Protein backbone atom coordinates (compact mmCIF):
# COMPACT_ATOMS: atom_id res chain seq x y z
CA MET A 1 134.49 -51.59 100.69
CA THR A 2 136.62 -54.72 100.46
CA ASP A 3 138.66 -55.67 97.47
CA GLN A 4 137.74 -59.24 96.57
CA THR A 5 139.76 -60.38 93.62
CA PRO A 6 138.91 -63.86 92.39
CA ILE A 7 141.50 -66.54 92.99
CA GLU A 8 142.63 -67.90 89.67
CA THR A 9 143.49 -71.57 89.56
CA PRO A 10 146.13 -72.69 87.09
CA THR A 11 144.77 -74.54 84.08
CA PHE A 12 144.60 -78.27 84.53
CA ASN A 13 144.77 -80.75 81.68
CA PRO A 14 143.93 -84.26 82.94
CA TRP A 15 145.15 -85.80 79.69
CA ASN A 16 148.73 -84.93 80.67
CA TYR A 17 148.49 -87.61 83.36
CA LYS A 18 147.12 -90.43 81.20
CA PRO A 19 149.12 -92.86 79.04
CA TRP A 20 148.89 -92.79 75.22
CA TRP A 21 146.27 -95.54 75.13
CA CYS A 22 143.93 -93.46 77.29
CA GLN A 23 144.04 -90.23 75.29
CA PRO A 24 140.91 -88.84 73.59
CA TRP A 25 142.15 -89.77 70.11
CA SER A 26 142.81 -93.37 71.12
CA ILE A 27 139.45 -93.70 72.89
CA LEU A 28 137.59 -92.36 69.85
CA LEU A 29 139.65 -94.45 67.42
CA THR A 30 139.07 -97.63 69.43
CA GLY A 31 135.33 -97.02 69.73
CA ILE A 32 134.86 -96.17 66.07
CA THR A 33 136.98 -99.17 65.00
CA LEU A 34 135.00 -101.59 67.16
CA ILE A 35 131.62 -100.25 66.07
CA SER A 36 132.65 -100.26 62.40
CA GLY A 37 134.22 -103.67 62.78
CA SER A 38 131.02 -105.13 64.17
CA TRP A 39 129.14 -103.81 61.15
CA PHE A 40 131.68 -105.09 58.61
CA LEU A 41 131.93 -108.46 60.36
CA PHE A 42 128.25 -109.22 60.98
CA LYS A 43 126.36 -106.83 58.64
CA THR A 44 123.53 -106.86 61.15
CA LEU A 45 122.15 -103.62 62.51
CA TRP A 46 120.96 -104.95 65.87
CA ILE A 47 124.39 -106.46 66.69
CA THR A 48 126.07 -103.18 65.74
CA ILE A 49 123.64 -101.30 67.98
CA LEU A 50 124.34 -103.71 70.85
CA VAL A 51 128.06 -103.09 70.39
CA ALA A 52 127.63 -99.33 69.94
CA ILE A 53 125.55 -98.56 73.03
CA PRO A 54 128.12 -99.50 75.70
CA LEU A 55 131.00 -98.20 73.59
CA LEU A 56 129.34 -94.81 73.09
CA ALA A 57 128.61 -94.63 76.83
CA TRP A 58 132.26 -95.47 77.57
CA MET A 59 133.56 -92.95 75.03
CA GLY A 60 131.18 -90.25 76.25
CA PHE A 61 132.17 -90.72 79.86
CA PHE A 62 135.92 -90.70 79.32
CA VAL A 63 136.05 -87.98 76.66
CA LEU A 64 133.37 -85.59 77.94
CA ILE A 65 132.51 -86.19 81.61
CA TRP A 66 135.73 -87.47 83.20
CA PRO A 67 137.93 -84.46 82.27
CA LYS A 68 135.38 -82.04 83.73
CA LEU A 69 135.18 -84.04 86.95
CA MET A 70 138.96 -84.14 87.26
CA ALA A 71 139.25 -80.39 86.63
CA GLU A 72 136.64 -79.75 89.32
CA VAL A 73 138.46 -81.96 91.83
CA TYR A 74 141.75 -80.29 90.97
CA SER A 75 140.34 -76.79 91.44
CA GLN A 76 138.80 -77.75 94.79
CA GLU A 77 142.07 -79.24 96.01
CA TYR A 78 144.00 -76.23 94.74
CA LEU A 79 141.71 -73.84 96.58
CA SER A 80 141.78 -75.88 99.80
CA ASN A 81 145.58 -76.00 99.72
CA LYS A 82 145.71 -72.27 99.00
CA GLU A 83 143.84 -71.40 102.22
């Protein structure tokens, strides 16, 4: 019987390595401001939707997907350096 204890990787926060203008709060604030601004400026739903689609994709990628990818890369590098 072998004792296999899992290797714990230290917690990794990718936001510690990004400048203030690339933090989650600034990404969300910029996206919401631009989408709202397009509505207040043009008062046209289809223009606001055209503005919102790429901005929501950008916000979703950098706030939801990117941190998970970076944490995965960090854990893989940590484990490969550990061996």
